[in-house]
Amino acid sequence: MTPHDAQIDPQRPIAATTRFAACGVVYRWTRDIALEFLIIKKRNHWTLPKGHLLQGGSAAEAILREVAEETGVRGIVCSELLQTL
């Protein structure tokens, strides 16, 4: 399913629209070969940087935009890690 062919679930009438969001998992390897992840605190909860897709935008564009807006970090999207949940 893509953001452009989303349908309303008749079993869930409360959902008038379906919105798609993208989440960035930002990581790096340290010199000690430890894996570090970047998380942010939003509304008193720790989370990954994420946000909604803009009309006509791709998940990769949303990920790059949201990570940059929320953390100031710029990077690349590893397409093999893109998943739809």
N, C-alpha and C. Protein backbone atom coordinates (compact mmCIF):
# COMPACT_ATOMS: atom_id res chain seq x y z
N MET A 1 0.84 -1.17 0.00
CA MET A 1 0.00 0.00 0.00
C MET A 1 0.88 1.23 0.00
N THR A 2 0.49 2.20 -0.75
CA THR A 2 1.21 3.47 -0.77
C THR A 2 0.30 4.55 -0.19
N PRO A 3 0.85 5.70 0.13
CA PRO A 3 0.00 6.77 0.66
C PRO A 3 -1.10 7.19 -0.30
N HIS A 4 -0.94 6.92 -1.58
CA HIS A 4 -1.90 7.39 -2.56
C HIS A 4 -3.05 6.43 -2.79
N ASP A 5 -2.96 5.18 -2.30
CA ASP A 5 -4.07 4.25 -2.50
C ASP A 5 -4.64 3.76 -1.17
N ALA A 6 -4.46 4.55 -0.10
CA ALA A 6 -4.98 4.19 1.21
C ALA A 6 -6.51 4.21 1.18
N GLN A 7 -7.11 3.28 1.91
CA GLN A 7 -8.56 3.18 1.97
C GLN A 7 -9.03 3.27 3.41
N ILE A 8 -10.26 3.68 3.61
CA ILE A 8 -10.84 3.73 4.95
C ILE A 8 -11.32 2.33 5.31
N ASP A 9 -10.96 1.89 6.48
CA ASP A 9 -11.38 0.58 6.98
C ASP A 9 -12.80 0.70 7.54
N PRO A 10 -13.79 -0.01 6.97
CA PRO A 10 -15.16 0.10 7.47
C PRO A 10 -15.32 -0.40 8.90
N GLN A 11 -14.41 -1.23 9.36
CA GLN A 11 -14.46 -1.72 10.73
C GLN A 11 -13.92 -0.70 11.72
N ARG A 12 -13.28 0.33 11.23
CA ARG A 12 -12.72 1.37 12.09
C ARG A 12 -13.21 2.73 11.63
N PRO A 13 -14.51 3.03 11.82
CA PRO A 13 -15.08 4.28 11.29
C PRO A 13 -14.48 5.54 11.91
N ILE A 14 -13.80 5.42 13.04
CA ILE A 14 -13.19 6.59 13.67
C ILE A 14 -12.08 7.18 12.79
N ALA A 15 -11.42 6.34 12.02
CA ALA A 15 -10.32 6.81 11.17
C ALA A 15 -10.90 7.36 9.87
N ALA A 16 -11.00 8.67 9.78
CA ALA A 16 -11.54 9.29 8.58
C ALA A 16 -10.51 9.29 7.45
N THR A 17 -9.25 9.33 7.80
CA THR A 17 -8.19 9.29 6.80
C THR A 17 -7.04 8.43 7.32
N THR A 18 -6.25 7.98 6.40
CA THR A 18 -5.04 7.24 6.76
C THR A 18 -3.86 8.15 6.49
N ARG A 19 -3.01 8.31 7.49
CA ARG A 19 -1.81 9.13 7.32
C ARG A 19 -0.59 8.23 7.41
N PHE A 20 0.37 8.49 6.57
CA PHE A 20 1.59 7.72 6.57
C PHE A 20 2.71 8.54 7.19
N ALA A 21 3.53 7.87 7.97
CA ALA A 21 4.65 8.53 8.63
C ALA A 21 5.94 7.78 8.31
N ALA A 22 7.04 8.48 8.46
CA ALA A 22 8.35 7.87 8.24
C ALA A 22 9.18 8.08 9.50
N CYS A 23 9.99 7.09 9.82
CA CYS A 23 10.81 7.12 11.02
C CYS A 23 12.26 6.84 10.62
N GLY A 24 13.17 7.62 11.16
CA GLY A 24 14.58 7.42 10.85
C GLY A 24 15.31 6.75 12.00
N VAL A 25 16.02 5.68 11.70
CA VAL A 25 16.88 5.03 12.68
C VAL A 25 18.30 5.50 12.38
N VAL A 26 18.78 6.43 13.20
CA VAL A 26 20.10 7.02 13.00
C VAL A 26 21.09 6.27 13.88
N TYR A 27 22.16 5.77 13.27
CA TYR A 27 23.14 5.00 14.04
C TYR A 27 24.55 5.31 13.57
N ARG A 28 25.51 4.91 14.39
CA ARG A 28 26.92 5.00 14.01
C ARG A 28 27.69 3.95 14.79
N TRP A 29 28.81 3.56 14.22
CA TRP A 29 29.74 2.66 14.90
C TRP A 29 30.81 3.52 15.56
N THR A 30 31.14 3.22 16.80
CA THR A 30 32.19 3.96 17.50
C THR A 30 33.54 3.31 17.21
N ARG A 31 34.60 3.94 17.67
CA ARG A 31 35.94 3.37 17.49
C ARG A 31 36.08 2.04 18.24
N ASP A 32 35.30 1.88 19.30
CA ASP A 32 35.34 0.64 20.08
C ASP A 32 34.43 -0.44 19.48
N ILE A 33 33.95 -0.19 18.28
CA ILE A 33 33.05 -1.09 17.57
C ILE A 33 31.75 -1.32 18.35
N ALA A 34 31.28 -0.25 18.95
CA ALA A 34 29.97 -0.27 19.61
C ALA A 34 28.98 0.45 18.70
N LEU A 35 27.78 -0.01 18.68
CA LEU A 35 26.74 0.60 17.85
C LEU A 35 25.94 1.57 18.72
N GLU A 36 25.85 2.83 18.28
CA GLU A 36 25.09 3.85 19.00
C GLU A 36 23.89 4.27 18.15
N PHE A 37 22.76 4.50 18.83
CA PHE A 37 21.55 4.96 18.16
C PHE A 37 21.18 6.34 18.67
N LEU A 38 20.64 7.17 17.79
CA LEU A 38 20.21 8.50 18.16
C LEU A 38 18.71 8.47 18.46
N ILE A 39 18.35 8.87 19.69
CA ILE A 39 16.95 8.98 20.06
C ILE A 39 16.72 10.40 20.56
N ILE A 40 15.47 10.83 20.51
CA ILE A 40 15.13 12.18 20.94
C ILE A 40 14.03 12.11 21.99
N LYS A 41 13.92 13.17 22.77
CA LYS A 41 12.87 13.23 23.78
C LYS A 41 11.80 14.20 23.30
N LYS A 42 10.57 13.68 23.14
CA LYS A 42 9.42 14.46 22.67
C LYS A 42 8.29 14.25 23.65
N ARG A 43 7.73 15.34 24.12
CA ARG A 43 6.61 15.27 25.04
C ARG A 43 6.86 14.30 26.19
N ASN A 44 8.06 14.38 26.73
CA ASN A 44 8.46 13.58 27.90
C ASN A 44 8.62 12.08 27.61
N HIS A 45 8.77 11.70 26.34
CA HIS A 45 8.99 10.29 25.97
C HIS A 45 10.18 10.21 25.00
N TRP A 46 10.97 9.16 25.14
CA TRP A 46 12.09 8.93 24.23
C TRP A 46 11.55 8.22 23.00
N THR A 47 11.99 8.69 21.83
CA THR A 47 11.48 8.15 20.57
C THR A 47 12.51 8.34 19.46
N LEU A 48 12.23 7.78 18.31
CA LEU A 48 13.04 8.00 17.11
C LEU A 48 12.50 9.22 16.37
N PRO A 49 13.33 9.93 15.62
CA PRO A 49 12.82 11.05 14.83
C PRO A 49 11.85 10.54 13.76
N LYS A 50 10.69 11.16 13.70
CA LYS A 50 9.69 10.71 12.72
C LYS A 50 8.73 11.84 12.40
N GLY A 51 8.00 11.66 11.31
CA GLY A 51 7.00 12.65 10.91
C GLY A 51 6.20 12.15 9.73
N HIS A 52 5.17 12.89 9.39
CA HIS A 52 4.26 12.49 8.32
C HIS A 52 4.85 12.80 6.95
N LEU A 53 4.45 12.00 5.97
CA LEU A 53 4.85 12.24 4.59
C LEU A 53 4.08 13.44 4.06
N LEU A 54 4.74 14.26 3.26
CA LEU A 54 4.07 15.37 2.60
C LEU A 54 3.37 14.84 1.35
N GLN A 55 2.33 15.54 0.91
CA GLN A 55 1.58 15.12 -0.27
C GLN A 55 2.52 14.92 -1.46
N GLY A 56 2.52 13.74 -2.02
CA GLY A 56 3.36 13.43 -3.17
C GLY A 56 4.80 13.12 -2.84
N GLY A 57 5.16 13.17 -1.56
CA GLY A 57 6.55 12.91 -1.15
C GLY A 57 6.80 11.44 -0.88
N SER A 58 8.05 11.06 -0.90
CA SER A 58 8.43 9.67 -0.65
C SER A 58 8.82 9.49 0.81
N ALA A 59 8.87 8.24 1.23
CA ALA A 59 9.29 7.92 2.60
C ALA A 59 10.73 8.39 2.83
N ALA A 60 11.60 8.18 1.85
CA ALA A 60 13.00 8.58 1.99
C ALA A 60 13.12 10.09 2.18
N GLU A 61 12.34 10.87 1.43
CA GLU A 61 12.37 12.33 1.58
C GLU A 61 11.89 12.74 2.98
N ALA A 62 10.85 12.08 3.46
CA ALA A 62 10.31 12.39 4.79
C ALA A 62 11.32 12.05 5.87
N ILE A 63 11.99 10.92 5.73
CA ILE A 63 12.99 10.51 6.72
C ILE A 63 14.12 11.54 6.81
N LEU A 64 14.67 11.91 5.67
CA LEU A 64 15.76 12.89 5.66
C LEU A 64 15.32 14.22 6.25
N ARG A 65 14.12 14.68 5.88
CA ARG A 65 13.60 15.95 6.37
C ARG A 65 13.37 15.91 7.88
N GLU A 66 12.71 14.88 8.37
CA GLU A 66 12.38 14.81 9.79
C GLU A 66 13.61 14.63 10.67
N VAL A 67 14.55 13.80 10.25
CA VAL A 67 15.77 13.63 11.03
C VAL A 67 16.53 14.96 11.11
N ALA A 68 16.63 15.66 9.98
CA ALA A 68 17.33 16.95 9.98
C ALA A 68 16.59 17.98 10.84
N GLU A 69 15.26 18.05 10.73
CA GLU A 69 14.49 19.03 11.50
C GLU A 69 14.58 18.77 13.01
N GLU A 70 14.50 17.50 13.40
CA GLU A 70 14.40 17.18 14.82
C GLU A 70 15.74 16.99 15.52
N THR A 71 16.82 16.75 14.75
CA THR A 71 18.11 16.48 15.38
C THR A 71 19.24 17.34 14.85
N GLY A 72 19.09 17.92 13.66
CA GLY A 72 20.17 18.67 13.04
C GLY A 72 21.18 17.77 12.33
N VAL A 73 20.92 16.47 12.34
CA VAL A 73 21.82 15.49 11.71
C VAL A 73 21.40 15.28 10.26
N ARG A 74 22.37 15.26 9.38
CA ARG A 74 22.10 14.97 7.96
C ARG A 74 22.84 13.69 7.60
N GLY A 75 22.23 12.91 6.73
CA GLY A 75 22.85 11.64 6.35
C GLY A 75 22.26 11.10 5.07
N ILE A 76 22.28 9.81 4.95
CA ILE A 76 21.73 9.12 3.78
C ILE A 76 20.70 8.10 4.24
N VAL A 77 19.83 7.71 3.33
CA VAL A 77 18.86 6.67 3.61
C VAL A 77 19.36 5.38 2.97
N CYS A 78 19.49 4.35 3.77
CA CYS A 78 19.89 3.04 3.27
C CYS A 78 18.63 2.34 2.78
N SER A 79 18.40 2.35 1.49
CA SER A 79 17.13 1.86 0.93
C SER A 79 16.84 0.42 1.32
N GLU A 80 17.88 -0.39 1.54
CA GLU A 80 17.62 -1.77 1.90
C GLU A 80 17.02 -1.90 3.29
N LEU A 81 17.06 -0.83 4.06
CA LEU A 81 16.48 -0.85 5.41
C LEU A 81 15.06 -0.30 5.43
N LEU A 82 14.57 0.23 4.33
CA LEU A 82 13.21 0.78 4.30
C LEU A 82 12.19 -0.34 4.48
N GLN A 83 11.29 -0.16 5.42
CA GLN A 83 10.27 -1.15 5.70
C GLN A 83 8.92 -0.46 5.86
N THR A 84 7.85 -1.15 5.53
CA THR A 84 6.52 -0.68 5.78
C THR A 84 5.90 -1.53 6.87
N LEU A 85 5.42 -0.89 7.90
CA LEU A 85 4.78 -1.60 9.01
C LEU A 85 3.32 -1.32 9.05
